Amino acid sequence: MKIDTSTYRVREGDNLRLKERPTRAEPAAKSAHEIEKLLAEHVRKLSDRQDLLYADGRYALLLIFQAMDAAGKDGAIKHVMSGVNPQGCQVYSFKQPSATELSHDFLWRTTCCLPERGRIGIFNRSYYEEVLVARVHPEILASQRLPEEALGDRDLWGHRFRSINDLERHLHLNGTRVRKFFLHLSKGEQRRRLLARIDDPDKNWKFSVADIKERAWWDDYRRAYEDCLTETSTKHAPWYVIPADDKDAARLIVSQVVLEALDELKMTYPKLDKAGRRRLLSVRRLLAK
């Protein structure tokens, strides 16, 4: 069974309204067991594609995950990438910027972590925080040591969107494919998951009072995400709005998008020329003696 991922893609030029996007996907399979089986098949295929990506050595894949708290970013990354060789995959989680990071432009700290050719890079949160959290809490900008003309710029967010689009276009032209996932969680499901973190002692460590404080800004974040996804979903670096109320279904959709991104690449295993093949056969004869 193949999922129609175009259903979840934000088309370039779309005026996104999250209230019109579902938070629960139509069943991709008849049962939870079948979904688990399909995901395992995707994981196996991803392992094969990652080997080819590494051997080919001309492309990289950058996966960006953004979401409200408790939407399941960590779980999606863990399950979808569970079969990938750790040597060919790098995961970075971006928290509050350090003093050093604040001394640079807002793209600097993530640019340092971009994947090399042949590898898959995963950003658990990213430079998009600078047009999301910083927009909902503009006081954050005061700590970024920006010049007065930047702080007073009426089109500050528009300029940041353009900077992001320029970066992602540059990455695409140089062999890095970018796929971006917004895990679309309903407010009711977030409440249920936060309560579960409180009620289950084994999940207490996941709970943060800050999550409750941010929940109060739910509508502001929704509007910030709508603007962000509308302005930065492009043909070469699209956003996918993944219904996240059902974790298993969300992981299955994400895995399908990643597979499709890798399958679009014209990758081949390196082949030896005739002289190289002769040298290899010569070495084989020595080893066989």
Protein backbone atom coordinates (compact mmCIF):
# COMPACT_ATOMS: atom_id res chain seq x y z
CA MET A 1 0.00 0.00 0.00
CA LYS A 2 1.38 3.41 -0.99
CA ILE A 3 0.22 6.58 0.73
CA ASP A 4 -0.62 9.60 -1.41
CA THR A 5 1.75 12.04 0.28
CA SER A 6 0.66 14.91 -1.98
CA THR A 7 -2.40 15.13 0.30
CA TYR A 8 -0.17 16.45 3.06
CA ARG A 9 2.16 18.64 1.04
CA VAL A 10 1.89 22.42 1.19
CA ARG A 11 2.04 23.59 -2.39
CA GLU A 12 4.13 26.62 -3.25
CA GLY A 13 1.81 29.62 -3.23
CA ASP A 14 -0.85 27.91 -1.08
CA ASN A 15 -2.43 30.11 1.59
CA LEU A 16 -2.32 27.55 4.39
CA ARG A 17 -5.04 27.38 7.03
CA LEU A 18 -4.31 24.77 9.65
CA LYS A 19 -7.95 24.54 10.73
CA GLU A 20 -8.64 23.10 7.27
CA ARG A 21 -5.97 20.41 7.71
CA PRO A 22 -6.84 17.23 9.66
CA THR A 23 -4.99 16.27 12.81
CA ARG A 24 -5.93 12.62 12.31
CA ALA A 25 -5.18 10.84 9.04
CA GLU A 26 -7.51 8.57 7.14
CA PRO A 27 -6.60 4.95 7.97
CA ALA A 28 -3.62 3.87 5.85
CA ALA A 29 -4.26 0.24 6.78
CA LYS A 30 -6.99 -1.93 8.23
CA SER A 31 -5.34 -2.47 11.61
CA ALA A 32 -2.54 -1.32 13.89
CA HIS A 33 -0.74 -4.56 13.06
CA GLU A 34 -0.83 -3.77 9.34
CA ILE A 35 0.45 -0.23 9.97
CA GLU A 36 3.31 -1.71 12.00
CA LYS A 37 4.09 -4.12 9.17
CA LEU A 38 4.07 -1.33 6.57
CA LEU A 39 6.35 0.84 8.70
CA ALA A 40 8.79 -2.06 9.12
CA GLU A 41 8.86 -2.44 5.33
CA HIS A 42 9.56 1.28 4.93
CA VAL A 43 12.34 1.10 7.53
CA ARG A 44 13.96 -1.78 5.63
CA LYS A 45 13.78 0.13 2.35
CA LEU A 46 15.19 3.25 4.00
CA SER A 47 18.17 1.23 5.19
CA ASP A 48 18.85 0.11 1.62
CA ARG A 49 18.45 3.64 0.24
CA GLN A 50 20.74 5.07 2.89
CA ASP A 51 23.49 2.61 1.91
CA LEU A 52 23.09 3.72 -1.70
CA LEU A 53 23.10 7.40 -0.70
CA TYR A 54 26.39 6.90 1.13
CA ALA A 55 27.98 4.89 -1.67
CA ASP A 56 26.88 7.32 -4.39
CA GLY A 57 28.24 10.25 -2.38
CA ARG A 58 26.74 13.07 -4.46
CA TYR A 59 23.64 13.96 -2.46
CA ALA A 60 22.58 14.65 1.11
CA LEU A 61 19.11 14.65 2.66
CA LEU A 62 18.03 17.13 5.33
CA LEU A 63 14.85 16.36 7.29
CA ILE A 64 13.39 19.13 9.45
CA PHE A 65 10.80 18.47 12.17
CA GLN A 66 8.74 21.23 13.77
CA ALA A 67 5.71 20.96 16.01
CA MET A 68 3.97 22.05 19.15
CA ASP A 69 5.04 20.34 22.37
CA ALA A 70 4.13 16.63 22.71
CA ALA A 71 3.40 16.23 18.99
CA GLY A 72 5.76 13.26 18.68
CA LYS A 73 8.87 14.57 16.92
CA ASP A 74 11.26 12.40 18.95
CA GLY A 75 9.17 9.28 18.42
CA ALA A 76 8.84 9.87 14.68
CA ILE A 77 12.60 10.28 14.31
CA LYS A 78 13.28 7.22 16.47
CA HIS A 79 10.91 4.87 14.67
CA VAL A 80 11.30 6.04 11.07
CA MET A 81 15.10 6.08 11.18
CA SER A 82 15.48 2.96 13.35
CA GLY A 83 17.00 0.89 10.53
CA VAL A 84 19.45 3.48 9.24
CA ASN A 85 23.16 3.02 9.88
CA PRO A 86 24.11 5.53 12.63
CA GLN A 87 27.30 6.33 10.72
CA GLY A 88 25.22 7.71 7.86
CA CYS A 89 22.71 9.71 9.90
CA GLN A 90 23.13 12.76 12.14
CA VAL A 91 20.43 14.08 14.49
CA TYR A 92 20.60 17.55 16.02
CA SER A 93 18.17 19.01 18.56
CA PHE A 94 18.23 22.78 18.80
CA LYS A 95 17.33 24.31 22.15
CA GLN A 96 17.81 27.84 23.45
CA PRO A 97 20.75 29.50 21.64
CA SER A 98 24.06 29.87 23.48
CA ALA A 99 25.91 33.17 23.90
CA THR A 100 28.22 32.20 21.03
CA GLU A 101 25.30 31.37 18.75
CA LEU A 102 23.60 34.66 19.57
CA SER A 103 26.74 36.46 18.37
CA HIS A 104 26.05 35.20 14.82
CA ASP A 105 23.18 35.53 12.37
CA PHE A 106 20.12 33.36 13.04
CA LEU A 107 21.10 30.72 10.44
CA TRP A 108 24.66 30.21 11.66
CA ARG A 109 24.23 27.54 14.34
CA THR A 110 22.20 25.22 12.12
CA THR A 111 24.36 25.78 9.04
CA CYS A 112 27.28 24.32 11.00
CA CYS A 113 25.30 21.09 11.38
CA LEU A 114 24.21 20.50 7.78
CA PRO A 115 24.76 16.92 6.54
CA GLU A 116 27.71 16.04 4.32
CA ARG A 117 27.06 14.47 0.94
CA GLY A 118 26.17 10.83 1.39
CA ARG A 119 24.44 11.38 4.73
CA ILE A 120 21.02 12.08 6.18
CA GLY A 121 20.75 15.02 8.55
CA ILE A 122 17.82 15.47 10.91
CA PHE A 123 16.96 18.72 12.65
CA ASN A 124 14.67 18.32 15.67
CA ARG A 125 13.56 21.94 15.63
CA SER A 126 15.69 24.22 13.48
CA TYR A 127 16.29 27.71 12.18
CA TYR A 128 12.51 27.90 11.83
CA GLU A 129 12.34 28.60 15.57
CA GLU A 130 13.53 32.09 14.62
CA VAL A 131 10.29 32.81 12.75
CA LEU A 132 8.06 30.89 15.18
CA VAL A 133 9.06 31.17 18.84
CA ALA A 134 10.77 34.51 18.24
CA ARG A 135 7.61 35.78 16.55
CA VAL A 136 5.28 34.66 19.33
CA HIS A 137 7.73 36.03 21.92
CA PRO A 138 9.31 39.07 20.23
CA GLU A 139 11.20 39.88 23.43
CA ILE A 140 13.59 37.12 22.33
CA LEU A 141 14.85 39.44 19.60
CA ALA A 142 16.18 41.81 22.25
CA SER A 143 18.71 39.16 23.31
CA GLN A 144 20.01 38.66 19.77
CA ARG A 145 22.13 41.81 19.69
CA LEU A 146 20.58 42.94 16.42
CA PRO A 147 21.26 46.47 15.11
CA GLU A 148 18.49 49.00 15.66
CA GLU A 149 17.61 49.15 11.96
CA ALA A 150 16.94 45.39 12.00
CA LEU A 151 14.79 45.54 15.13
CA GLY A 152 12.83 48.43 13.66
CA ASP A 153 12.33 46.73 10.29
CA ARG A 154 8.61 46.36 9.61
CA ASP A 155 9.34 43.46 7.27
CA LEU A 156 11.69 41.62 9.64
CA TRP A 157 9.83 38.32 9.31
CA GLY A 158 9.54 38.66 5.54
CA HIS A 159 13.29 39.15 5.32
CA ARG A 160 13.88 36.06 7.46
CA PHE A 161 11.56 34.00 5.27
CA ARG A 162 13.52 35.11 2.21
CA SER A 163 16.82 34.27 3.90
CA ILE A 164 15.52 30.77 4.66
CA ASN A 165 14.24 30.27 1.11
CA ASP A 166 17.57 31.43 -0.31
CA LEU A 167 19.46 29.01 1.94
CA GLU A 168 17.27 26.06 0.99
CA ARG A 169 17.52 26.89 -2.71
CA HIS A 170 21.31 27.05 -2.35
CA LEU A 171 21.34 23.66 -0.60
CA HIS A 172 19.20 22.09 -3.33
CA LEU A 173 21.45 23.39 -6.09
CA ASN A 174 24.44 21.86 -4.31
CA GLY A 175 22.99 18.40 -3.83
CA THR A 176 21.18 18.60 -0.47
CA ARG A 177 17.49 17.72 -0.68
CA VAL A 178 15.30 19.26 2.01
CA ARG A 179 12.03 17.84 3.33
CA LYS A 180 10.17 19.54 6.17
CA PHE A 181 7.53 18.10 8.49
CA PHE A 182 5.05 19.95 10.68
CA LEU A 183 3.44 17.43 13.02
CA HIS A 184 -0.12 18.78 13.26
CA LEU A 185 -1.47 18.02 16.72
CA SER A 186 -4.89 18.99 18.06
CA LYS A 187 -5.09 20.94 21.29
CA GLY A 188 -7.20 18.21 22.86
CA GLU A 189 -4.67 15.49 22.01
CA GLN A 190 -1.84 17.61 23.38
CA ARG A 191 -3.77 17.94 26.65
CA ARG A 192 -4.20 14.17 26.82
CA ARG A 193 -0.49 13.54 26.24
CA LEU A 194 0.60 16.13 28.79
CA LEU A 195 -1.70 14.56 31.38
CA ALA A 196 -0.21 11.15 30.55
CA ARG A 197 3.25 12.52 31.28
CA ILE A 198 2.05 13.64 34.71
CA ASP A 199 0.14 10.44 35.54
CA ASP A 200 2.82 7.96 34.43
CA PRO A 201 5.92 8.09 36.69
CA ASP A 202 8.04 6.74 33.83
CA LYS A 203 7.06 9.76 31.75
CA ASN A 204 7.43 12.43 34.44
CA TRP A 205 10.85 13.35 33.12
CA LYS A 206 9.25 14.41 29.83
CA PHE A 207 6.98 16.95 31.49
CA SER A 208 7.94 20.61 31.68
CA VAL A 209 5.97 23.45 33.20
CA ALA A 210 7.16 25.49 30.22
CA ASP A 211 4.95 23.29 28.02
CA ILE A 212 1.88 24.51 29.90
CA LYS A 213 2.99 28.13 29.58
CA GLU A 214 3.47 27.77 25.83
CA ARG A 215 0.07 26.09 25.51
CA ALA A 216 -1.49 29.43 26.48
CA TRP A 217 -0.07 30.86 23.23
CA TRP A 218 -1.67 28.16 21.07
CA ASP A 219 -3.52 30.49 18.67
CA ASP A 220 -0.47 32.72 18.26
CA TYR A 221 1.65 29.72 17.35
CA ARG A 222 -0.99 28.53 14.90
CA ARG A 223 -0.92 31.88 13.09
CA ALA A 224 2.90 31.91 13.11
CA TYR A 225 3.01 28.40 11.64
CA GLU A 226 0.47 29.30 8.97
CA ASP A 227 2.55 32.25 7.81
CA CYS A 228 5.79 30.29 8.02
CA LEU A 229 4.58 27.27 6.05
CA THR A 230 2.86 29.48 3.49
CA GLU A 231 5.98 31.57 2.88
CA THR A 232 8.62 28.82 2.96
CA SER A 233 7.08 25.76 1.30
CA THR A 234 8.69 25.61 -2.13
CA LYS A 235 8.97 23.09 -4.93
CA HIS A 236 12.53 22.16 -3.96
CA ALA A 237 12.01 22.30 -0.16
CA PRO A 238 8.36 21.48 0.61
CA TRP A 239 6.56 21.36 3.92
CA TYR A 240 4.31 18.42 4.81
CA VAL A 241 1.52 18.91 7.36
CA ILE A 242 1.41 15.49 9.03
CA PRO A 243 -1.73 14.61 11.05
CA ALA A 244 -0.17 13.77 14.43
CA ASP A 245 -3.03 12.71 16.71
CA ASP A 246 -2.32 9.09 15.68
CA LYS A 247 1.41 8.54 16.21
CA ASP A 248 1.66 5.33 14.17
CA ALA A 249 -0.09 6.82 11.16
CA ALA A 250 2.07 9.95 11.37
CA ARG A 251 5.26 7.86 11.37
CA LEU A 252 4.06 5.89 8.37
CA ILE A 253 3.38 9.06 6.36
CA VAL A 254 6.76 10.55 7.28
CA SER A 255 8.56 7.36 6.24
CA GLN A 256 6.79 7.40 2.87
CA VAL A 257 7.86 11.01 2.22
CA VAL A 258 11.48 10.21 3.10
CA LEU A 259 11.47 7.17 0.80
CA GLU A 260 10.07 9.21 -2.07
CA ALA A 261 12.71 11.90 -1.57
CA LEU A 262 15.49 9.31 -1.82
CA ASP A 263 13.88 7.53 -4.77
CA GLU A 264 13.82 10.80 -6.73
CA LEU A 265 17.62 10.92 -6.70
CA LYS A 266 19.56 9.42 -9.59
CA MET A 267 21.86 7.35 -7.42
CA THR A 268 24.06 4.43 -8.44
CA TYR A 269 26.70 2.31 -6.78
CA PRO A 270 30.19 3.28 -8.03
CA LYS A 271 31.50 1.01 -10.80
CA LEU A 272 35.14 0.25 -11.55
CA ASP A 273 36.55 0.80 -15.01
CA LYS A 274 38.27 -2.10 -16.79
CA ALA A 275 41.70 -1.29 -15.34
CA GLY A 276 40.26 -1.11 -11.82
CA ARG A 277 38.44 -4.40 -12.32
CA ARG A 278 41.67 -6.08 -13.46
CA ARG A 279 43.47 -4.84 -10.34
CA LEU A 280 40.65 -6.15 -8.19
CA LEU A 281 40.80 -9.60 -9.80
CA SER A 282 44.57 -9.61 -9.33
CA VAL A 283 44.15 -8.94 -5.63
CA ARG A 284 41.50 -11.64 -5.43
CA ARG A 285 43.90 -14.22 -6.87
CA LEU A 286 46.47 -13.29 -4.23
CA LEU A 287 43.92 -13.62 -1.44
CA ALA A 288 42.72 -16.98 -2.77
CA LYS A 289 46.20 -18.57 -2.66
